[in-house]
Amino acid sequence: MDGTNLQESGQIRVQVTASISITAPIARRLVNVELMKKVGQMIMTGEPEIYIDGKNIYWKVPLLVVPPDDDDNTYLLGKYALVDAIAGRYTMDKQFIEELRAEARPILERLYPETKAWVQKIKELRKKCS
């Protein structure tokens, strides 16, 4: 930047030229597959947005709770998956998945009140079996 002093608010234009090999639909598919393997079918992705962090370019993929019934609503979670737009790398480690489940749980319990009782029964059965 040439030292131009922006006041409290203003607009700037930044132009970046880069070759990316991972498109938004591919980034979305990568994350959806990982979610299906690690979380299940009620959390899916929204439309990715490009995200630039220093020298790295990512797809910022929003995560949504999507009820399987006739509810047309989707519920945006506060978590995003970051997919490297050049190499396709992303991380969904155990901690990320646990945080994602914890964030989705209140929404699912509100949508499906019987779920809380069902989950408690599963936990009790697991205790008995171990």
N, C-alpha and C. Protein backbone atom coordinates (compact mmCIF):
# COMPACT_ATOMS: atom_id res chain seq x y z
N MET A 1 0.85 -1.17 0.00
CA MET A 1 0.00 0.00 0.00
C MET A 1 0.90 1.23 0.00
N ASP A 2 0.45 2.30 -0.59
CA ASP A 2 1.30 3.47 -0.78
C ASP A 2 1.22 4.47 0.37
N GLY A 3 0.71 4.09 1.50
CA GLY A 3 0.63 4.99 2.64
C GLY A 3 -0.64 5.81 2.67
N THR A 4 -1.57 5.55 1.75
CA THR A 4 -2.84 6.26 1.77
C THR A 4 -3.53 6.01 3.10
N ASN A 5 -4.00 7.06 3.71
CA ASN A 5 -4.64 6.96 5.02
C ASN A 5 -6.14 6.76 4.84
N LEU A 6 -6.64 5.59 5.20
CA LEU A 6 -8.08 5.35 5.18
C LEU A 6 -8.67 5.89 6.46
N GLN A 7 -9.79 6.50 6.37
CA GLN A 7 -10.48 6.99 7.56
C GLN A 7 -11.09 5.79 8.29
N GLU A 8 -12.08 6.00 9.11
CA GLU A 8 -12.67 4.91 9.89
C GLU A 8 -13.28 3.84 9.02
N SER A 9 -13.77 4.20 7.86
CA SER A 9 -14.31 3.21 6.95
C SER A 9 -13.95 3.64 5.53
N GLY A 10 -14.03 2.71 4.65
CA GLY A 10 -13.71 3.00 3.26
C GLY A 10 -13.67 1.71 2.48
N GLN A 11 -13.35 1.81 1.24
CA GLN A 11 -13.28 0.64 0.39
C GLN A 11 -11.88 0.51 -0.18
N ILE A 12 -11.41 -0.70 -0.27
CA ILE A 12 -10.16 -0.97 -0.94
C ILE A 12 -10.40 -2.12 -1.91
N ARG A 13 -9.60 -2.17 -2.92
CA ARG A 13 -9.71 -3.26 -3.89
C ARG A 13 -8.38 -3.99 -3.90
N VAL A 14 -8.45 -5.28 -3.74
CA VAL A 14 -7.26 -6.12 -3.75
C VAL A 14 -7.41 -7.12 -4.87
N GLN A 15 -6.40 -7.26 -5.68
CA GLN A 15 -6.45 -8.21 -6.77
C GLN A 15 -5.38 -9.26 -6.57
N VAL A 16 -5.79 -10.53 -6.68
CA VAL A 16 -4.87 -11.65 -6.53
C VAL A 16 -4.99 -12.52 -7.76
N THR A 17 -3.86 -12.90 -8.31
CA THR A 17 -3.86 -13.82 -9.44
C THR A 17 -3.18 -15.11 -9.00
N ALA A 18 -3.89 -16.22 -9.12
CA ALA A 18 -3.34 -17.51 -8.73
C ALA A 18 -4.03 -18.61 -9.52
N SER A 19 -3.32 -19.68 -9.75
CA SER A 19 -3.91 -20.85 -10.40
C SER A 19 -4.33 -21.81 -9.31
N ILE A 20 -5.61 -22.12 -9.28
CA ILE A 20 -6.10 -23.07 -8.29
C ILE A 20 -6.55 -24.33 -9.01
N SER A 21 -6.32 -25.46 -8.36
CA SER A 21 -6.71 -26.73 -8.98
C SER A 21 -7.96 -27.31 -8.35
N ILE A 22 -8.37 -26.76 -7.21
CA ILE A 22 -9.57 -27.25 -6.53
C ILE A 22 -10.66 -26.20 -6.69
N THR A 23 -11.73 -26.56 -7.36
CA THR A 23 -12.85 -25.63 -7.56
C THR A 23 -13.77 -25.68 -6.34
N ALA A 24 -14.69 -24.73 -6.26
CA ALA A 24 -15.64 -24.70 -5.15
C ALA A 24 -16.45 -26.00 -5.06
N PRO A 25 -17.00 -26.52 -6.17
CA PRO A 25 -17.76 -27.78 -6.07
C PRO A 25 -16.91 -28.96 -5.59
N ILE A 26 -15.65 -29.00 -6.00
CA ILE A 26 -14.77 -30.09 -5.55
C ILE A 26 -14.50 -29.95 -4.05
N ALA A 27 -14.23 -28.73 -3.59
CA ALA A 27 -13.99 -28.50 -2.16
C ALA A 27 -15.22 -28.93 -1.35
N ARG A 28 -16.37 -28.58 -1.85
CA ARG A 28 -17.62 -28.95 -1.16
C ARG A 28 -17.77 -30.46 -1.09
N ARG A 29 -17.50 -31.14 -2.20
CA ARG A 29 -17.60 -32.61 -2.22
C ARG A 29 -16.61 -33.26 -1.26
N LEU A 30 -15.38 -32.77 -1.24
CA LEU A 30 -14.37 -33.32 -0.33
C LEU A 30 -14.85 -33.26 1.12
N VAL A 31 -15.38 -32.11 1.50
CA VAL A 31 -15.84 -31.93 2.88
C VAL A 31 -17.08 -32.76 3.15
N ASN A 32 -18.02 -32.83 2.20
CA ASN A 32 -19.23 -33.64 2.40
C ASN A 32 -18.89 -35.11 2.61
N VAL A 33 -17.95 -35.62 1.84
CA VAL A 33 -17.56 -37.03 1.99
C VAL A 33 -16.97 -37.26 3.38
N GLU A 34 -16.11 -36.35 3.81
CA GLU A 34 -15.49 -36.50 5.13
C GLU A 34 -16.54 -36.40 6.24
N LEU A 35 -17.51 -35.51 6.08
CA LEU A 35 -18.59 -35.39 7.07
C LEU A 35 -19.41 -36.67 7.14
N MET A 36 -19.71 -37.25 5.99
CA MET A 36 -20.48 -38.50 5.98
C MET A 36 -19.73 -39.60 6.71
N LYS A 37 -18.41 -39.66 6.54
CA LYS A 37 -17.62 -40.70 7.20
C LYS A 37 -17.49 -40.47 8.70
N LYS A 38 -17.35 -39.22 9.11
CA LYS A 38 -17.02 -38.94 10.50
C LYS A 38 -18.20 -38.46 11.36
N VAL A 39 -19.24 -37.92 10.74
CA VAL A 39 -20.33 -37.33 11.51
C VAL A 39 -21.67 -37.98 11.21
N GLY A 40 -21.99 -38.18 9.96
CA GLY A 40 -23.29 -38.73 9.59
C GLY A 40 -23.97 -37.85 8.57
N GLN A 41 -25.24 -38.06 8.41
CA GLN A 41 -25.94 -37.43 7.29
C GLN A 41 -26.64 -36.12 7.59
N MET A 42 -26.69 -35.66 8.81
CA MET A 42 -27.44 -34.44 9.10
C MET A 42 -26.62 -33.17 9.04
N ILE A 43 -25.33 -33.27 8.82
CA ILE A 43 -24.49 -32.09 8.66
C ILE A 43 -23.89 -32.14 7.26
N MET A 44 -24.12 -31.06 6.53
CA MET A 44 -23.63 -30.96 5.16
C MET A 44 -23.00 -29.59 4.95
N THR A 45 -22.54 -29.36 3.74
CA THR A 45 -21.87 -28.10 3.44
C THR A 45 -22.78 -27.13 2.70
N GLY A 46 -22.44 -25.85 2.86
CA GLY A 46 -23.07 -24.79 2.08
C GLY A 46 -22.14 -24.40 0.94
N GLU A 47 -22.41 -23.26 0.35
CA GLU A 47 -21.61 -22.78 -0.78
C GLU A 47 -20.27 -22.23 -0.29
N PRO A 48 -19.16 -22.76 -0.79
CA PRO A 48 -17.84 -22.26 -0.38
C PRO A 48 -17.57 -20.84 -0.87
N GLU A 49 -16.76 -20.13 -0.11
CA GLU A 49 -16.30 -18.80 -0.49
C GLU A 49 -14.78 -18.83 -0.48
N ILE A 50 -14.19 -18.04 -1.34
CA ILE A 50 -12.73 -17.98 -1.37
C ILE A 50 -12.26 -17.23 -0.13
N TYR A 51 -11.15 -17.68 0.42
CA TYR A 51 -10.60 -17.09 1.65
C TYR A 51 -9.09 -17.04 1.49
N ILE A 52 -8.50 -15.86 1.67
CA ILE A 52 -7.06 -15.70 1.52
C ILE A 52 -6.47 -15.38 2.87
N ASP A 53 -5.48 -16.17 3.25
CA ASP A 53 -4.81 -16.01 4.54
C ASP A 53 -3.32 -15.86 4.26
N GLY A 54 -2.87 -14.64 4.17
CA GLY A 54 -1.45 -14.42 3.84
C GLY A 54 -1.17 -14.88 2.43
N LYS A 55 -0.31 -15.89 2.30
CA LYS A 55 0.05 -16.41 0.98
C LYS A 55 -0.80 -17.61 0.57
N ASN A 56 -1.67 -18.07 1.44
CA ASN A 56 -2.47 -19.27 1.16
C ASN A 56 -3.88 -18.90 0.70
N ILE A 57 -4.39 -19.69 -0.22
CA ILE A 57 -5.75 -19.50 -0.72
C ILE A 57 -6.56 -20.74 -0.35
N TYR A 58 -7.69 -20.51 0.27
CA TYR A 58 -8.54 -21.60 0.73
C TYR A 58 -9.97 -21.40 0.22
N TRP A 59 -10.70 -22.50 0.25
CA TRP A 59 -12.15 -22.44 0.15
C TRP A 59 -12.66 -22.54 1.58
N LYS A 60 -13.44 -21.57 2.00
CA LYS A 60 -14.06 -21.56 3.32
C LYS A 60 -15.44 -22.16 3.14
N VAL A 61 -15.61 -23.39 3.64
CA VAL A 61 -16.83 -24.16 3.38
C VAL A 61 -17.70 -24.13 4.63
N PRO A 62 -18.88 -23.47 4.56
CA PRO A 62 -19.75 -23.41 5.73
C PRO A 62 -20.38 -24.78 6.00
N LEU A 63 -20.63 -25.05 7.26
CA LEU A 63 -21.24 -26.32 7.68
C LEU A 63 -22.64 -26.05 8.20
N LEU A 64 -23.58 -26.89 7.77
CA LEU A 64 -24.99 -26.69 8.05
C LEU A 64 -25.61 -27.95 8.65
N VAL A 65 -26.58 -27.74 9.53
CA VAL A 65 -27.45 -28.84 9.94
C VAL A 65 -28.60 -28.85 8.95
N VAL A 66 -28.81 -30.00 8.34
CA VAL A 66 -29.86 -30.13 7.32
C VAL A 66 -30.79 -31.25 7.76
N PRO A 67 -31.99 -30.90 8.26
CA PRO A 67 -32.92 -31.94 8.69
C PRO A 67 -33.36 -32.82 7.52
N PRO A 68 -33.55 -34.11 7.75
CA PRO A 68 -33.88 -35.03 6.67
C PRO A 68 -35.36 -35.06 6.31
N ASP A 69 -36.21 -34.42 7.08
CA ASP A 69 -37.65 -34.52 6.82
C ASP A 69 -38.11 -33.36 5.93
N ASP A 70 -39.33 -32.95 6.07
CA ASP A 70 -39.90 -31.92 5.21
C ASP A 70 -39.52 -30.50 5.64
N ASP A 71 -38.64 -30.36 6.58
CA ASP A 71 -38.18 -29.05 7.03
C ASP A 71 -37.23 -28.48 5.97
N ASP A 72 -37.64 -27.40 5.33
CA ASP A 72 -36.83 -26.80 4.27
C ASP A 72 -35.72 -25.91 4.81
N ASN A 73 -35.68 -25.72 6.12
CA ASN A 73 -34.67 -24.86 6.73
C ASN A 73 -33.32 -25.56 6.81
N THR A 74 -32.29 -24.75 6.77
CA THR A 74 -30.95 -25.22 7.10
C THR A 74 -30.45 -24.33 8.22
N TYR A 75 -29.59 -24.86 9.05
CA TYR A 75 -29.12 -24.14 10.23
C TYR A 75 -27.60 -24.03 10.16
N LEU A 76 -27.13 -22.81 9.96
CA LEU A 76 -25.70 -22.56 9.82
C LEU A 76 -25.00 -22.73 11.16
N LEU A 77 -23.95 -23.54 11.15
CA LEU A 77 -23.13 -23.70 12.34
C LEU A 77 -22.02 -22.64 12.30
N GLY A 78 -21.36 -22.44 13.41
CA GLY A 78 -20.30 -21.44 13.47
C GLY A 78 -18.97 -21.93 12.93
N LYS A 79 -18.90 -23.20 12.59
CA LYS A 79 -17.65 -23.79 12.11
C LYS A 79 -17.61 -23.79 10.58
N TYR A 80 -16.39 -23.68 10.08
CA TYR A 80 -16.14 -23.75 8.65
C TYR A 80 -14.99 -24.73 8.41
N ALA A 81 -15.05 -25.44 7.32
CA ALA A 81 -13.93 -26.27 6.90
C ALA A 81 -13.11 -25.44 5.92
N LEU A 82 -11.80 -25.46 6.06
CA LEU A 82 -10.92 -24.77 5.13
C LEU A 82 -10.24 -25.80 4.24
N VAL A 83 -10.42 -25.63 2.93
CA VAL A 83 -9.82 -26.53 1.96
C VAL A 83 -8.81 -25.73 1.14
N ASP A 84 -7.58 -26.19 1.13
CA ASP A 84 -6.53 -25.54 0.35
C ASP A 84 -6.94 -25.57 -1.13
N ALA A 85 -7.06 -24.39 -1.74
CA ALA A 85 -7.57 -24.30 -3.11
C ALA A 85 -6.55 -24.76 -4.15
N ILE A 86 -5.30 -24.91 -3.75
CA ILE A 86 -4.28 -25.35 -4.69
C ILE A 86 -4.02 -26.84 -4.54
N ALA A 87 -3.83 -27.29 -3.30
CA ALA A 87 -3.46 -28.70 -3.06
C ALA A 87 -4.64 -29.59 -2.66
N GLY A 88 -5.74 -29.00 -2.22
CA GLY A 88 -6.89 -29.81 -1.82
C GLY A 88 -6.80 -30.36 -0.40
N ARG A 89 -5.79 -29.94 0.35
CA ARG A 89 -5.65 -30.44 1.72
C ARG A 89 -6.66 -29.77 2.65
N TYR A 90 -7.11 -30.52 3.61
CA TYR A 90 -8.00 -30.00 4.65
C TYR A 90 -7.82 -30.89 5.87
N THR A 91 -8.24 -30.38 7.01
CA THR A 91 -8.10 -31.14 8.24
C THR A 91 -9.42 -31.15 8.99
N MET A 92 -9.86 -32.33 9.34
CA MET A 92 -11.00 -32.49 10.23
C MET A 92 -10.58 -33.49 11.30
N ASP A 93 -9.80 -32.99 12.24
CA ASP A 93 -9.30 -33.87 13.28
C ASP A 93 -10.40 -34.18 14.30
N LYS A 94 -10.05 -35.04 15.23
CA LYS A 94 -11.03 -35.50 16.22
C LYS A 94 -11.62 -34.33 17.02
N GLN A 95 -10.79 -33.38 17.40
CA GLN A 95 -11.27 -32.24 18.17
C GLN A 95 -12.27 -31.41 17.35
N PHE A 96 -11.98 -31.18 16.07
CA PHE A 96 -12.88 -30.44 15.19
C PHE A 96 -14.23 -31.14 15.11
N ILE A 97 -14.21 -32.45 14.93
CA ILE A 97 -15.46 -33.23 14.82
C ILE A 97 -16.24 -33.17 16.12
N GLU A 98 -15.56 -33.30 17.26
CA GLU A 98 -16.24 -33.22 18.55
C GLU A 98 -16.89 -31.85 18.76
N GLU A 99 -16.18 -30.79 18.40
CA GLU A 99 -16.73 -29.44 18.51
C GLU A 99 -17.92 -29.25 17.58
N LEU A 100 -17.82 -29.81 16.38
CA LEU A 100 -18.91 -29.73 15.41
C LEU A 100 -20.16 -30.43 15.94
N ARG A 101 -19.98 -31.64 16.48
CA ARG A 101 -21.11 -32.37 17.05
C ARG A 101 -21.72 -31.60 18.23
N ALA A 102 -20.88 -31.03 19.08
CA ALA A 102 -21.37 -30.28 20.24
C ALA A 102 -22.17 -29.06 19.80
N GLU A 103 -21.74 -28.43 18.73
CA GLU A 103 -22.46 -27.26 18.23
C GLU A 103 -23.78 -27.65 17.56
N ALA A 104 -23.80 -28.79 16.90
CA ALA A 104 -25.01 -29.23 16.20
C ALA A 104 -26.05 -29.83 17.16
N ARG A 105 -25.59 -30.41 18.26
CA ARG A 105 -26.48 -31.13 19.18
C ARG A 105 -27.69 -30.30 19.64
N PRO A 106 -27.51 -29.05 20.13
CA PRO A 106 -28.69 -28.29 20.58
C PRO A 106 -29.71 -28.04 19.47
N ILE A 107 -29.22 -27.84 18.26
CA ILE A 107 -30.14 -27.62 17.13
C ILE A 107 -30.94 -28.90 16.88
N LEU A 108 -30.25 -30.03 16.84
CA LEU A 108 -30.93 -31.31 16.59
C LEU A 108 -31.90 -31.66 17.73
N GLU A 109 -31.51 -31.37 18.96
CA GLU A 109 -32.41 -31.66 20.09
C GLU A 109 -33.65 -30.78 20.05
N ARG A 110 -33.49 -29.54 19.56
CA ARG A 110 -34.65 -28.66 19.43
C ARG A 110 -35.57 -29.16 18.31
N LEU A 111 -34.97 -29.62 17.21
CA LEU A 111 -35.77 -30.11 16.08
C LEU A 111 -36.41 -31.46 16.37
N TYR A 112 -35.67 -32.29 17.11
CA TYR A 112 -36.12 -33.65 17.40
C TYR A 112 -35.99 -33.90 18.91
N PRO A 113 -36.97 -33.47 19.70
CA PRO A 113 -36.86 -33.60 21.16
C PRO A 113 -36.65 -35.04 21.62
N GLU A 114 -37.15 -36.00 20.89
CA GLU A 114 -37.00 -37.40 21.28
C GLU A 114 -35.55 -37.88 21.13
N THR A 115 -34.75 -37.15 20.37
CA THR A 115 -33.36 -37.54 20.14
C THR A 115 -32.56 -37.55 21.43
N LYS A 116 -32.78 -36.58 22.30
CA LYS A 116 -32.02 -36.50 23.55
C LYS A 116 -32.22 -37.76 24.38
N ALA A 117 -33.45 -38.22 24.50
CA ALA A 117 -33.73 -39.45 25.26
C ALA A 117 -33.09 -40.66 24.57
N TRP A 118 -33.15 -40.69 23.25
CA TRP A 118 -32.57 -41.80 22.50
C TRP A 118 -31.06 -41.86 22.69
N VAL A 119 -30.41 -40.70 22.63
CA VAL A 119 -28.96 -40.64 22.82
C VAL A 119 -28.59 -41.10 24.22
N GLN A 120 -29.37 -40.72 25.20
CA GLN A 120 -29.10 -41.15 26.58
C GLN A 120 -29.21 -42.67 26.70
N LYS A 121 -30.20 -43.26 26.06
CA LYS A 121 -30.35 -44.72 26.08
C LYS A 121 -29.15 -45.41 25.44
N ILE A 122 -28.67 -44.87 24.34
CA ILE A 122 -27.49 -45.44 23.67
C ILE A 122 -26.28 -45.38 24.60
N LYS A 123 -26.09 -44.25 25.28
CA LYS A 123 -24.96 -44.12 26.21
C LYS A 123 -25.05 -45.15 27.33
N GLU A 124 -26.25 -45.35 27.85
CA GLU A 124 -26.44 -46.34 28.92
C GLU A 124 -26.14 -47.75 28.43
N LEU A 125 -26.58 -48.08 27.22
CA LEU A 125 -26.29 -49.38 26.65
C LEU A 125 -24.79 -49.59 26.44
N ARG A 126 -24.11 -48.56 25.99
CA ARG A 126 -22.67 -48.66 25.79
C ARG A 126 -21.95 -48.92 27.11
N LYS A 127 -22.41 -48.26 28.17
CA LYS A 127 -21.80 -48.47 29.49
C LYS A 127 -21.96 -49.92 29.93
N LYS A 128 -23.16 -50.46 29.72
CA LYS A 128 -23.44 -51.85 30.12
C LYS A 128 -22.57 -52.84 29.34
N CYS A 129 -22.33 -52.54 28.07
CA CYS A 129 -21.57 -53.44 27.21
C CYS A 129 -20.06 -53.37 27.44
N SER A 130 -19.60 -52.31 28.05
CA SER A 130 -18.14 -52.18 28.21
C SER A 130 -17.66 -52.68 29.55
